[in-house]
Amino acid sequence: MTLHHILVRVISDTQRHAGHADIVRELIDGSVGYLKGNDNMPPGDQAWWENHRRRLERVARKVGNA
């Protein structure tokens, strides 16, 4: 095992767990993004996001059946 391997593993694990913590925080306070009040999310109302999700779902299903 090399130092390079250890560093890559630590960075990878930290990134994964930070993502999990962010999901839990979003579930608790209902906000998304970096800062409360500054969500850094692309603009779009609820209808836009629902349409976007449906479009991605359709593409994913199409690719999954290919």
N, C-alpha and C. Protein backbone atom coordinates (compact mmCIF):
# COMPACT_ATOMS: atom_id res chain seq x y z
N MET A 1 0.85 -1.17 0.00
CA MET A 1 0.00 0.00 0.00
C MET A 1 0.89 1.24 0.00
N THR A 2 0.58 2.16 -0.90
CA THR A 2 1.39 3.38 -1.01
C THR A 2 0.65 4.57 -0.39
N LEU A 3 1.40 5.61 -0.13
CA LEU A 3 0.81 6.84 0.39
C LEU A 3 -0.21 7.38 -0.61
N HIS A 4 0.09 7.29 -1.88
CA HIS A 4 -0.84 7.75 -2.91
C HIS A 4 -2.18 7.01 -2.78
N HIS A 5 -2.13 5.71 -2.64
CA HIS A 5 -3.36 4.92 -2.51
C HIS A 5 -4.15 5.34 -1.26
N ILE A 6 -3.46 5.55 -0.16
CA ILE A 6 -4.13 5.96 1.08
C ILE A 6 -4.79 7.32 0.91
N LEU A 7 -4.09 8.28 0.33
CA LEU A 7 -4.65 9.62 0.14
C LEU A 7 -5.87 9.60 -0.77
N VAL A 8 -5.79 8.85 -1.86
CA VAL A 8 -6.94 8.75 -2.76
C VAL A 8 -8.12 8.13 -2.03
N ARG A 9 -7.87 7.11 -1.25
CA ARG A 9 -8.95 6.44 -0.51
C ARG A 9 -9.58 7.38 0.52
N VAL A 10 -8.77 8.14 1.24
CA VAL A 10 -9.28 9.07 2.24
C VAL A 10 -10.12 10.16 1.57
N ILE A 11 -9.63 10.69 0.47
CA ILE A 11 -10.38 11.73 -0.24
C ILE A 11 -11.70 11.16 -0.75
N SER A 12 -11.68 9.99 -1.31
CA SER A 12 -12.89 9.36 -1.82
C SER A 12 -13.91 9.11 -0.71
N ASP A 13 -13.45 8.57 0.42
CA ASP A 13 -14.35 8.30 1.53
C ASP A 13 -14.91 9.58 2.13
N THR A 14 -14.08 10.61 2.24
CA THR A 14 -14.54 11.90 2.78
C THR A 14 -15.62 12.49 1.88
N GLN A 15 -15.39 12.45 0.57
CA GLN A 15 -16.38 12.97 -0.37
C GLN A 15 -17.70 12.22 -0.25
N ARG A 16 -17.65 10.92 -0.13
CA ARG A 16 -18.86 10.11 -0.04
C ARG A 16 -19.63 10.44 1.23
N HIS A 17 -18.94 10.51 2.35
CA HIS A 17 -19.62 10.78 3.62
C HIS A 17 -20.11 12.22 3.71
N ALA A 18 -19.39 13.15 3.10
CA ALA A 18 -19.86 14.54 3.08
C ALA A 18 -21.16 14.63 2.29
N GLY A 19 -21.27 13.88 1.22
CA GLY A 19 -22.50 13.84 0.45
C GLY A 19 -23.65 13.28 1.26
N HIS A 20 -23.39 12.24 2.05
CA HIS A 20 -24.43 11.68 2.91
C HIS A 20 -24.88 12.70 3.94
N ALA A 21 -23.94 13.40 4.54
CA ALA A 21 -24.27 14.40 5.55
C ALA A 21 -25.10 15.52 4.94
N ASP A 22 -24.81 15.89 3.71
CA ASP A 22 -25.56 16.95 3.04
C ASP A 22 -27.00 16.50 2.79
N ILE A 23 -27.19 15.25 2.42
CA ILE A 23 -28.55 14.72 2.22
C ILE A 23 -29.34 14.77 3.53
N VAL A 24 -28.71 14.37 4.62
CA VAL A 24 -29.38 14.40 5.93
C VAL A 24 -29.74 15.84 6.30
N ARG A 25 -28.81 16.76 6.08
CA ARG A 25 -29.09 18.17 6.39
C ARG A 25 -30.26 18.68 5.56
N GLU A 26 -30.31 18.34 4.28
CA GLU A 26 -31.41 18.76 3.44
C GLU A 26 -32.74 18.20 3.94
N LEU A 27 -32.73 16.96 4.42
CA LEU A 27 -33.96 16.37 4.95
C LEU A 27 -34.40 17.06 6.24
N ILE A 28 -33.44 17.51 7.03
CA ILE A 28 -33.76 18.15 8.31
C ILE A 28 -34.29 19.57 8.11
N ASP A 29 -33.56 20.40 7.37
CA ASP A 29 -33.96 21.81 7.28
C ASP A 29 -34.67 22.17 5.97
N GLY A 30 -34.74 21.24 5.03
CA GLY A 30 -35.50 21.48 3.80
C GLY A 30 -34.80 22.36 2.78
N SER A 31 -33.60 22.82 3.07
CA SER A 31 -32.90 23.66 2.11
C SER A 31 -31.90 22.81 1.33
N VAL A 32 -31.54 23.29 0.16
CA VAL A 32 -30.55 22.60 -0.67
C VAL A 32 -29.44 23.57 -0.99
N GLY A 33 -28.31 23.04 -1.40
CA GLY A 33 -27.20 23.87 -1.81
C GLY A 33 -26.25 24.17 -0.67
N TYR A 34 -25.41 25.16 -0.90
CA TYR A 34 -24.35 25.48 0.05
C TYR A 34 -24.83 26.23 1.28
N LEU A 35 -25.62 27.26 1.08
CA LEU A 35 -26.01 28.14 2.17
C LEU A 35 -27.52 28.33 2.20
N LYS A 36 -28.08 28.44 3.38
CA LYS A 36 -29.49 28.74 3.49
C LYS A 36 -29.73 30.13 2.90
N GLY A 37 -30.71 30.23 2.03
CA GLY A 37 -30.98 31.50 1.37
C GLY A 37 -30.20 31.70 0.08
N ASN A 38 -29.19 30.88 -0.14
CA ASN A 38 -28.41 30.92 -1.38
C ASN A 38 -28.17 29.49 -1.81
N ASP A 39 -29.18 28.91 -2.45
CA ASP A 39 -29.14 27.48 -2.71
C ASP A 39 -28.28 27.08 -3.90
N ASN A 40 -27.77 28.02 -4.64
CA ASN A 40 -26.93 27.80 -5.82
C ASN A 40 -27.53 26.79 -6.80
N MET A 41 -28.85 26.64 -6.78
CA MET A 41 -29.54 25.74 -7.70
C MET A 41 -29.99 26.53 -8.93
N PRO A 42 -30.05 25.87 -10.09
CA PRO A 42 -30.55 26.56 -11.28
C PRO A 42 -31.99 27.02 -11.07
N PRO A 43 -32.38 28.12 -11.70
CA PRO A 43 -33.75 28.60 -11.52
C PRO A 43 -34.77 27.62 -12.10
N GLY A 44 -35.92 27.56 -11.50
CA GLY A 44 -37.00 26.71 -11.99
C GLY A 44 -38.01 26.49 -10.87
N ASP A 45 -39.28 26.57 -11.22
CA ASP A 45 -40.31 26.33 -10.21
C ASP A 45 -40.55 24.82 -10.08
N GLN A 46 -41.47 24.45 -9.20
CA GLN A 46 -41.74 23.04 -8.93
C GLN A 46 -42.13 22.29 -10.20
N ALA A 47 -42.95 22.90 -11.06
CA ALA A 47 -43.37 22.25 -12.31
C ALA A 47 -42.17 22.00 -13.21
N TRP A 48 -41.26 22.96 -13.29
CA TRP A 48 -40.07 22.79 -14.12
C TRP A 48 -39.25 21.61 -13.63
N TRP A 49 -39.02 21.52 -12.29
CA TRP A 49 -38.22 20.43 -11.74
C TRP A 49 -38.88 19.08 -11.94
N GLU A 50 -40.22 19.02 -11.81
CA GLU A 50 -40.93 17.76 -12.04
C GLU A 50 -40.78 17.32 -13.49
N ASN A 51 -40.90 18.26 -14.42
CA ASN A 51 -40.71 17.95 -15.83
C ASN A 51 -39.27 17.49 -16.10
N HIS A 52 -38.32 18.17 -15.49
CA HIS A 52 -36.90 17.81 -15.64
C HIS A 52 -36.66 16.39 -15.13
N ARG A 53 -37.21 16.06 -13.97
CA ARG A 53 -37.04 14.72 -13.41
C ARG A 53 -37.66 13.66 -14.32
N ARG A 54 -38.86 13.93 -14.84
CA ARG A 54 -39.50 12.98 -15.75
C ARG A 54 -38.66 12.76 -17.02
N ARG A 55 -38.10 13.86 -17.53
CA ARG A 55 -37.26 13.76 -18.72
C ARG A 55 -36.02 12.91 -18.44
N LEU A 56 -35.37 13.12 -17.30
CA LEU A 56 -34.20 12.32 -16.94
C LEU A 56 -34.57 10.86 -16.71
N GLU A 57 -35.70 10.64 -16.07
CA GLU A 57 -36.18 9.27 -15.84
C GLU A 57 -36.41 8.55 -17.17
N ARG A 58 -37.02 9.24 -18.13
CA ARG A 58 -37.30 8.66 -19.44
C ARG A 58 -35.99 8.28 -20.14
N VAL A 59 -35.00 9.17 -20.10
CA VAL A 59 -33.71 8.90 -20.73
C VAL A 59 -33.02 7.72 -20.03
N ALA A 60 -33.06 7.69 -18.71
CA ALA A 60 -32.40 6.61 -17.97
C ALA A 60 -33.04 5.26 -18.30
N ARG A 61 -34.36 5.23 -18.37
CA ARG A 61 -35.04 3.97 -18.71
C ARG A 61 -34.70 3.53 -20.15
N LYS A 62 -34.64 4.49 -21.07
CA LYS A 62 -34.31 4.18 -22.45
C LYS A 62 -32.89 3.59 -22.56
N VAL A 63 -31.94 4.20 -21.85
CA VAL A 63 -30.56 3.73 -21.87
C VAL A 63 -30.47 2.36 -21.17
N GLY A 64 -31.22 2.19 -20.09
CA GLY A 64 -31.20 0.93 -19.36
C GLY A 64 -31.72 -0.24 -20.17
N ASN A 65 -32.58 0.03 -21.12
CA ASN A 65 -33.14 -1.03 -21.97
C ASN A 65 -32.31 -1.26 -23.23
N ALA A 66 -31.30 -0.42 -23.45
CA ALA A 66 -30.49 -0.55 -24.67
C ALA A 66 -29.53 -1.71 -24.58
